[in-house]
């Protein structure tokens, strides 16, 4: 059902989508979402090893693309009351003001 998301895909693999946050809270704010329904971080199992590998390789490629290693970044997964939607997702963020967020 990933084709239903009306977003610009920065990356797409067999297991995840990465796209600009529709309401960014940071100058660079990218969401990384598994294609499979996973309610939260603690629901990951060994069966999700493909997603985990895709997640980290995708993050690494975005860090290089946006030159974040030099400027700093965070990869965040919210949980419990901090998780607004019941689907696991990660936020790749940077406070760097002088790079354009992907559109």
N, C-alpha and C. Protein backbone atom coordinates (compact mmCIF):
# COMPACT_ATOMS: atom_id res chain seq x y z
N UNK A 1 0.81 -1.20 0.00
CA UNK A 1 0.00 0.00 0.00
C UNK A 1 0.86 1.26 0.00
N UNK A 2 2.17 1.10 -0.08
CA UNK A 2 3.04 2.27 -0.05
C UNK A 2 2.77 3.21 -1.22
N UNK A 3 2.22 2.71 -2.31
CA UNK A 3 1.93 3.55 -3.46
C UNK A 3 0.85 4.59 -3.15
N UNK A 4 0.11 4.41 -2.06
CA UNK A 4 -0.94 5.36 -1.69
C UNK A 4 -0.40 6.60 -1.01
N UNK A 5 0.85 6.55 -0.53
CA UNK A 5 1.41 7.72 0.14
C UNK A 5 1.75 8.79 -0.90
N UNK A 6 1.10 9.96 -0.81
CA UNK A 6 1.35 11.01 -1.80
C UNK A 6 2.57 11.85 -1.40
N UNK A 7 3.73 11.24 -1.46
CA UNK A 7 4.95 11.92 -1.04
C UNK A 7 6.04 11.74 -2.09
N UNK A 8 7.00 12.65 -2.04
CA UNK A 8 8.19 12.49 -2.86
C UNK A 8 9.10 11.50 -2.16
N UNK A 9 9.35 10.40 -2.80
CA UNK A 9 10.20 9.37 -2.20
C UNK A 9 11.66 9.75 -2.39
N UNK A 10 12.39 9.87 -1.27
CA UNK A 10 13.82 10.10 -1.35
C UNK A 10 14.54 8.77 -1.57
N UNK A 11 14.01 7.72 -0.94
CA UNK A 11 14.52 6.36 -1.11
C UNK A 11 13.34 5.41 -0.98
N UNK A 12 13.42 4.32 -1.72
CA UNK A 12 12.46 3.25 -1.55
C UNK A 12 13.19 1.94 -1.75
N UNK A 13 13.01 1.03 -0.80
CA UNK A 13 13.58 -0.31 -0.90
C UNK A 13 12.43 -1.30 -0.83
N UNK A 14 12.74 -2.55 -0.82
CA UNK A 14 11.70 -3.57 -0.68
C UNK A 14 11.01 -3.49 0.67
N UNK A 15 11.68 -2.88 1.67
CA UNK A 15 11.12 -2.89 3.02
C UNK A 15 10.80 -1.53 3.61
N UNK A 16 11.23 -0.43 2.97
CA UNK A 16 10.98 0.88 3.59
C UNK A 16 10.81 1.98 2.57
N UNK A 17 10.24 3.09 3.07
CA UNK A 17 10.14 4.35 2.32
C UNK A 17 10.80 5.44 3.15
N UNK A 18 11.52 6.33 2.48
CA UNK A 18 12.09 7.52 3.12
C UNK A 18 11.59 8.73 2.34
N UNK A 19 11.03 9.71 3.07
CA UNK A 19 10.46 10.87 2.41
C UNK A 19 10.51 12.07 3.36
N UNK A 20 10.45 13.30 2.81
CA UNK A 20 10.46 14.48 3.66
C UNK A 20 9.22 14.50 4.56
N UNK A 21 9.43 14.90 5.81
CA UNK A 21 8.30 15.02 6.74
C UNK A 21 7.34 16.07 6.20
N UNK A 22 6.04 15.79 6.15
CA UNK A 22 5.08 16.76 5.61
C UNK A 22 4.96 18.03 6.46
N UNK A 23 5.28 17.94 7.74
CA UNK A 23 5.27 19.11 8.63
C UNK A 23 6.58 19.12 9.41
N UNK A 24 7.68 19.49 8.74
CA UNK A 24 8.99 19.37 9.36
C UNK A 24 9.15 20.26 10.59
N UNK A 25 9.82 19.71 11.59
CA UNK A 25 10.13 20.46 12.80
C UNK A 25 11.59 20.89 12.82
N UNK A 26 12.34 20.52 11.79
CA UNK A 26 13.78 20.82 11.69
C UNK A 26 14.07 21.22 10.26
N UNK A 27 15.17 21.94 10.02
CA UNK A 27 15.51 22.30 8.64
C UNK A 27 15.62 21.08 7.72
N UNK A 28 16.14 19.97 8.22
CA UNK A 28 16.12 18.71 7.47
C UNK A 28 15.37 17.72 8.34
N UNK A 29 14.27 17.18 7.82
CA UNK A 29 13.43 16.27 8.61
C UNK A 29 12.87 15.22 7.67
N UNK A 30 13.46 14.03 7.74
CA UNK A 30 13.10 12.93 6.85
C UNK A 30 12.48 11.80 7.67
N UNK A 31 11.38 11.25 7.18
CA UNK A 31 10.76 10.09 7.81
C UNK A 31 11.20 8.82 7.09
N UNK A 32 11.48 7.79 7.87
CA UNK A 32 11.81 6.46 7.34
C UNK A 32 10.81 5.49 7.95
N UNK A 33 10.02 4.85 7.08
CA UNK A 33 8.88 4.05 7.54
C UNK A 33 8.96 2.66 6.92
N UNK A 34 8.81 1.61 7.74
CA UNK A 34 8.76 0.27 7.15
C UNK A 34 7.48 0.10 6.34
N UNK A 35 7.57 -0.66 5.27
CA UNK A 35 6.37 -0.93 4.46
C UNK A 35 5.44 -1.90 5.15
N UNK A 36 6.00 -2.76 5.99
CA UNK A 36 5.19 -3.72 6.74
C UNK A 36 4.65 -3.03 7.99
N UNK A 37 3.46 -3.35 8.40
CA UNK A 37 2.89 -2.78 9.63
C UNK A 37 3.66 -3.31 10.84
N UNK A 38 4.35 -2.41 11.51
CA UNK A 38 5.07 -2.71 12.74
C UNK A 38 4.66 -1.62 13.72
N UNK A 39 3.99 -1.96 14.81
CA UNK A 39 3.43 -0.92 15.67
C UNK A 39 4.45 -0.06 16.40
N UNK A 40 5.59 -0.63 16.77
CA UNK A 40 6.56 0.15 17.54
C UNK A 40 7.90 -0.57 17.52
N UNK A 41 8.90 0.06 18.09
CA UNK A 41 10.25 -0.47 18.08
C UNK A 41 10.36 -1.83 18.75
N UNK A 42 9.64 -2.04 19.83
CA UNK A 42 9.74 -3.30 20.55
C UNK A 42 9.07 -4.46 19.81
N UNK A 43 8.32 -4.16 18.76
CA UNK A 43 7.68 -5.21 17.97
C UNK A 43 8.61 -5.75 16.88
N UNK A 44 9.78 -5.15 16.68
CA UNK A 44 10.73 -5.69 15.71
C UNK A 44 11.19 -7.08 16.13
N UNK A 45 11.32 -7.96 15.16
CA UNK A 45 11.79 -9.32 15.43
C UNK A 45 12.93 -9.64 14.46
N UNK A 46 13.48 -10.82 14.60
CA UNK A 46 14.54 -11.24 13.69
C UNK A 46 14.03 -11.32 12.25
N UNK A 47 12.73 -11.48 12.06
CA UNK A 47 12.15 -11.49 10.72
C UNK A 47 12.25 -10.13 10.05
N UNK A 48 12.54 -9.08 10.83
CA UNK A 48 12.67 -7.73 10.29
C UNK A 48 14.11 -7.35 10.00
N UNK A 49 15.00 -8.33 9.91
CA UNK A 49 16.42 -8.05 9.66
C UNK A 49 16.62 -7.30 8.34
N UNK A 50 15.83 -7.62 7.33
CA UNK A 50 15.93 -6.91 6.05
C UNK A 50 15.60 -5.44 6.19
N UNK A 51 14.54 -5.15 6.95
CA UNK A 51 14.19 -3.75 7.19
C UNK A 51 15.30 -3.04 7.95
N UNK A 52 15.83 -3.68 8.98
CA UNK A 52 16.88 -3.06 9.79
C UNK A 52 18.11 -2.75 8.93
N UNK A 53 18.49 -3.70 8.09
CA UNK A 53 19.63 -3.47 7.19
C UNK A 53 19.33 -2.33 6.22
N UNK A 54 18.13 -2.32 5.64
CA UNK A 54 17.74 -1.24 4.73
C UNK A 54 17.72 0.10 5.45
N UNK A 55 17.22 0.11 6.68
CA UNK A 55 17.15 1.35 7.45
C UNK A 55 18.53 1.97 7.59
N UNK A 56 19.49 1.21 8.05
CA UNK A 56 20.81 1.79 8.30
C UNK A 56 21.56 2.12 7.02
N UNK A 57 21.40 1.33 5.98
CA UNK A 57 22.06 1.69 4.72
C UNK A 57 21.40 2.92 4.09
N UNK A 58 20.09 3.04 4.24
CA UNK A 58 19.39 4.22 3.72
C UNK A 58 19.81 5.47 4.49
N UNK A 59 19.85 5.37 5.81
CA UNK A 59 20.29 6.51 6.62
C UNK A 59 21.71 6.91 6.22
N UNK A 60 22.60 5.94 6.07
CA UNK A 60 23.98 6.25 5.69
C UNK A 60 24.03 6.98 4.35
N UNK A 61 23.23 6.56 3.38
CA UNK A 61 23.24 7.22 2.07
C UNK A 61 22.68 8.63 2.15
N UNK A 62 21.66 8.85 3.00
CA UNK A 62 21.11 10.20 3.17
C UNK A 62 22.09 11.11 3.91
N UNK A 63 22.82 10.56 4.87
CA UNK A 63 23.84 11.33 5.58
C UNK A 63 24.89 11.83 4.59
N UNK A 64 25.31 10.97 3.68
CA UNK A 64 26.29 11.37 2.66
C UNK A 64 25.67 12.40 1.72
N UNK A 65 24.46 12.13 1.22
CA UNK A 65 23.82 13.03 0.25
C UNK A 65 23.66 14.44 0.78
N UNK A 66 23.30 14.57 2.05
CA UNK A 66 23.05 15.90 2.63
C UNK A 66 24.22 16.41 3.46
N UNK A 67 25.38 15.74 3.37
CA UNK A 67 26.59 16.17 4.06
C UNK A 67 26.38 16.34 5.56
N UNK A 68 25.67 15.40 6.16
CA UNK A 68 25.30 15.52 7.57
C UNK A 68 26.41 15.08 8.52
N UNK A 69 27.32 14.26 8.06
CA UNK A 69 28.41 13.83 8.94
C UNK A 69 29.19 15.03 9.46
N UNK A 70 29.44 15.97 8.59
CA UNK A 70 30.19 17.17 8.96
C UNK A 70 29.37 18.10 9.86
N UNK A 71 28.07 18.17 9.63
CA UNK A 71 27.23 19.15 10.29
C UNK A 71 26.43 18.61 11.47
N UNK A 72 26.29 17.31 11.55
CA UNK A 72 25.55 16.70 12.66
C UNK A 72 24.13 16.32 12.30
N UNK A 73 23.67 15.24 12.91
CA UNK A 73 22.33 14.73 12.65
C UNK A 73 21.91 13.84 13.81
N UNK A 74 20.62 13.51 13.83
CA UNK A 74 20.07 12.56 14.79
C UNK A 74 19.12 11.62 14.06
N UNK A 75 19.09 10.37 14.54
CA UNK A 75 18.11 9.39 14.07
C UNK A 75 17.28 9.04 15.29
N UNK A 76 15.98 9.32 15.22
CA UNK A 76 15.10 9.21 16.38
C UNK A 76 13.96 8.24 16.10
N UNK A 77 13.66 7.40 17.09
CA UNK A 77 12.45 6.57 17.08
C UNK A 77 11.71 6.89 18.37
N UNK A 78 10.53 7.42 18.25
CA UNK A 78 9.71 7.72 19.43
C UNK A 78 8.95 6.49 19.87
N UNK A 79 8.67 6.39 21.16
CA UNK A 79 7.91 5.26 21.68
C UNK A 79 7.02 5.66 22.83
N UNK A 80 6.11 4.77 23.18
CA UNK A 80 5.19 5.05 24.29
C UNK A 80 4.37 6.29 24.00
N UNK A 81 4.17 7.14 25.00
CA UNK A 81 3.36 8.35 24.81
C UNK A 81 3.97 9.34 23.81
N UNK A 82 5.26 9.18 23.50
CA UNK A 82 5.91 10.08 22.54
C UNK A 82 5.65 9.67 21.08
N UNK A 83 5.10 8.48 20.88
CA UNK A 83 4.83 8.00 19.53
C UNK A 83 3.41 8.41 19.13
N UNK A 84 3.32 9.34 18.17
CA UNK A 84 2.02 9.90 17.77
C UNK A 84 1.16 8.98 16.92
N UNK A 85 1.78 8.12 16.13
CA UNK A 85 1.03 7.20 15.27
C UNK A 85 1.43 5.77 15.59
N UNK A 86 0.52 4.82 15.48
CA UNK A 86 0.82 3.44 15.86
C UNK A 86 1.52 2.65 14.75
N UNK A 87 2.53 3.25 14.16
CA UNK A 87 3.36 2.60 13.14
C UNK A 87 4.80 3.02 13.40
N UNK A 88 5.68 2.04 13.50
CA UNK A 88 7.09 2.34 13.70
C UNK A 88 7.58 3.27 12.60
N UNK A 89 8.31 4.28 12.98
CA UNK A 89 8.94 5.16 12.00
C UNK A 89 10.12 5.85 12.68
N UNK A 90 11.05 6.31 11.86
CA UNK A 90 12.24 6.97 12.34
C UNK A 90 12.31 8.37 11.74
N UNK A 91 12.89 9.29 12.49
CA UNK A 91 13.10 10.66 12.03
C UNK A 91 14.60 10.86 11.87
N UNK A 92 15.04 11.24 10.67
CA UNK A 92 16.42 11.67 10.46
C UNK A 92 16.35 13.19 10.42
N UNK A 93 17.00 13.83 11.38
CA UNK A 93 16.89 15.28 11.51
C UNK A 93 18.26 15.93 11.57
N UNK A 94 18.30 17.20 11.18
CA UNK A 94 19.49 18.02 11.33
C UNK A 94 19.04 19.46 11.57
N UNK A 95 19.78 20.13 12.43
CA UNK A 95 19.50 21.54 12.71
C UNK A 95 20.20 22.48 11.74
N UNK A 96 20.99 21.93 10.86
CA UNK A 96 21.74 22.76 9.93
C UNK A 96 20.80 23.65 9.14
N UNK A 97 20.99 24.95 9.26
CA UNK A 97 20.08 25.92 8.63
C UNK A 97 20.38 26.16 7.16
N UNK A 98 21.61 25.94 6.72
CA UNK A 98 21.95 26.37 5.36
C UNK A 98 21.84 25.29 4.30
N UNK A 99 21.23 24.16 4.62
CA UNK A 99 20.96 23.21 3.55
C UNK A 99 19.46 23.11 3.37
N UNK A 100 19.07 22.93 2.16
CA UNK A 100 17.64 22.89 1.85
C UNK A 100 17.07 21.53 2.19
N UNK A 101 15.93 21.54 2.82
CA UNK A 101 15.22 20.28 3.04
C UNK A 101 14.79 19.73 1.70
N UNK A 102 14.80 18.42 1.53
CA UNK A 102 14.41 17.86 0.23
C UNK A 102 12.94 18.14 -0.08
N UNK A 103 12.66 18.43 -1.34
CA UNK A 103 11.28 18.69 -1.75
C UNK A 103 10.89 17.75 -2.85
